[in-house]
Amino acid sequence: MARLFILHHLITIGSLCGSLFYGVTSAEPSKIRKVAFLIISFVTGVIASDFMAEILSEFTPQSINVEQPLGALVASASAIRLLSLLRKMVERFLNKGEPQKSTNDN
């Protein structure tokens, strides 16, 4: 029971560290968007900690045990980057049929 209690706190700390890492390295000029991204990143880290730990364990030797707090850190640090990439891919796909805007209006 105590291990579970400590593990939940470590997941929270890992997620917080990952979201702060994103916030510190982000080039986002808007403070409101940066705070929103920090919150999204933190929540994603907590939710996806187990999933990301399993993915990381696939790429590490069996002698290394990847725990959920590390998964939380990686998930929260990469969440906004992945969501932004997905948004750009969807925008490109949706704009594929539209004519390209010309930058030369001569």
Protein backbone atom coordinates (compact mmCIF):
# COMPACT_ATOMS: atom_id res chain seq x y z
CA MET A 1 0.00 0.00 0.00
CA ALA A 2 2.81 2.43 0.88
CA ARG A 3 4.62 1.59 -2.39
CA LEU A 4 1.48 2.44 -4.38
CA PHE A 5 1.15 5.75 -2.52
CA ILE A 6 4.80 6.63 -3.22
CA LEU A 7 4.50 5.51 -6.85
CA HIS A 8 1.57 7.87 -7.46
CA HIS A 9 3.60 10.75 -6.04
CA LEU A 10 6.59 9.85 -8.19
CA ILE A 11 4.36 9.72 -11.29
CA THR A 12 3.08 13.20 -10.43
CA ILE A 13 6.61 14.50 -9.93
CA GLY A 14 7.80 12.89 -13.17
CA SER A 15 4.91 14.41 -15.09
CA LEU A 16 5.52 17.81 -13.51
CA CYS A 17 9.22 17.66 -14.43
CA GLY A 18 8.38 16.73 -18.02
CA SER A 19 5.87 19.52 -18.39
CA LEU A 20 8.28 22.03 -16.87
CA PHE A 21 10.97 20.82 -19.26
CA TYR A 22 8.62 21.52 -22.15
CA GLY A 23 7.74 24.93 -20.70
CA VAL A 24 11.37 25.95 -20.27
CA THR A 25 12.44 24.81 -23.75
CA SER A 26 9.31 26.04 -25.56
CA ALA A 27 9.59 28.97 -27.96
CA GLU A 28 5.88 29.76 -27.52
CA PRO A 29 5.60 33.56 -27.11
CA SER A 30 2.09 33.64 -25.62
CA LYS A 31 2.05 33.14 -21.86
CA ILE A 32 -1.57 31.96 -21.89
CA ARG A 33 -0.83 29.28 -24.50
CA LYS A 34 2.32 28.28 -22.62
CA VAL A 35 0.35 27.77 -19.39
CA ALA A 36 -2.32 25.82 -21.30
CA PHE A 37 0.38 23.64 -22.86
CA LEU A 38 1.94 23.06 -19.43
CA ILE A 39 -1.40 21.88 -18.04
CA ILE A 40 -2.09 19.63 -21.05
CA SER A 41 1.43 18.25 -20.83
CA PHE A 42 1.12 17.52 -17.11
CA VAL A 43 -2.24 15.75 -17.42
CA THR A 44 -1.03 13.74 -20.41
CA GLY A 45 2.04 12.65 -18.46
CA VAL A 46 -0.06 11.36 -15.57
CA ILE A 47 -2.53 9.57 -17.85
CA ALA A 48 0.03 8.06 -20.24
CA SER A 49 2.73 7.13 -17.71
CA ASP A 50 2.06 3.40 -17.80
CA PHE A 51 1.74 3.30 -21.59
CA MET A 52 4.96 5.24 -22.14
CA ALA A 53 6.84 3.09 -19.61
CA GLU A 54 5.81 0.00 -21.57
CA ILE A 55 6.99 1.57 -24.84
CA LEU A 56 10.32 2.59 -23.29
CA SER A 57 10.84 -0.87 -21.86
CA GLU A 58 10.63 -2.30 -25.39
CA PHE A 59 13.72 -0.26 -26.36
CA THR A 60 15.81 -0.99 -23.28
CA PRO A 61 17.59 -4.18 -22.22
CA GLN A 62 15.60 -6.57 -20.03
CA SER A 63 17.94 -5.86 -17.14
CA ILE A 64 16.63 -2.28 -17.02
CA ASN A 65 13.22 -1.86 -15.40
CA VAL A 66 11.43 1.22 -16.75
CA GLU A 67 9.00 2.46 -14.10
CA GLN A 68 5.94 4.67 -14.49
CA PRO A 69 7.55 7.90 -13.20
CA LEU A 70 10.03 7.81 -16.10
CA GLY A 71 7.13 7.11 -18.46
CA ALA A 72 5.31 10.14 -17.01
CA LEU A 73 8.35 12.36 -17.56
CA VAL A 74 8.79 11.28 -21.20
CA ALA A 75 5.05 11.37 -21.95
CA SER A 76 4.60 14.87 -20.58
CA ALA A 77 7.75 16.22 -22.21
CA SER A 78 6.73 14.91 -25.63
CA ALA A 79 2.94 15.36 -25.49
CA ILE A 80 2.69 18.85 -26.98
CA ARG A 81 5.27 18.11 -29.66
CA LEU A 82 3.33 15.03 -30.75
CA LEU A 83 -0.02 16.83 -30.65
CA SER A 84 1.40 19.74 -32.68
CA LEU A 85 2.82 17.32 -35.25
CA LEU A 86 -0.53 15.55 -35.49
CA ARG A 87 -2.33 18.89 -35.93
CA LYS A 88 0.01 19.88 -38.77
CA MET A 89 -0.47 16.53 -40.48
CA VAL A 90 -4.26 16.87 -40.30
CA GLU A 91 -4.12 20.46 -41.59
CA ARG A 92 -1.93 19.35 -44.51
CA PHE A 93 -4.30 16.50 -45.29
CA LEU A 94 -7.38 18.76 -45.15
CA ASN A 95 -5.75 21.48 -47.26
CA LYS A 96 -4.50 19.01 -49.87
CA GLY A 97 -7.49 19.58 -52.18
CA GLU A 98 -7.43 23.37 -51.89
CA PRO A 99 -5.42 25.50 -54.30
CA GLN A 100 -2.18 26.87 -52.92
CA LYS A 101 -2.17 30.57 -52.06
CA SER A 102 0.24 32.55 -54.17
CA THR A 103 2.73 34.82 -52.44
CA ASN A 104 3.31 36.83 -55.64
CA ASP A 105 0.32 39.03 -56.44
CA ASN A 106 1.77 40.72 -59.55
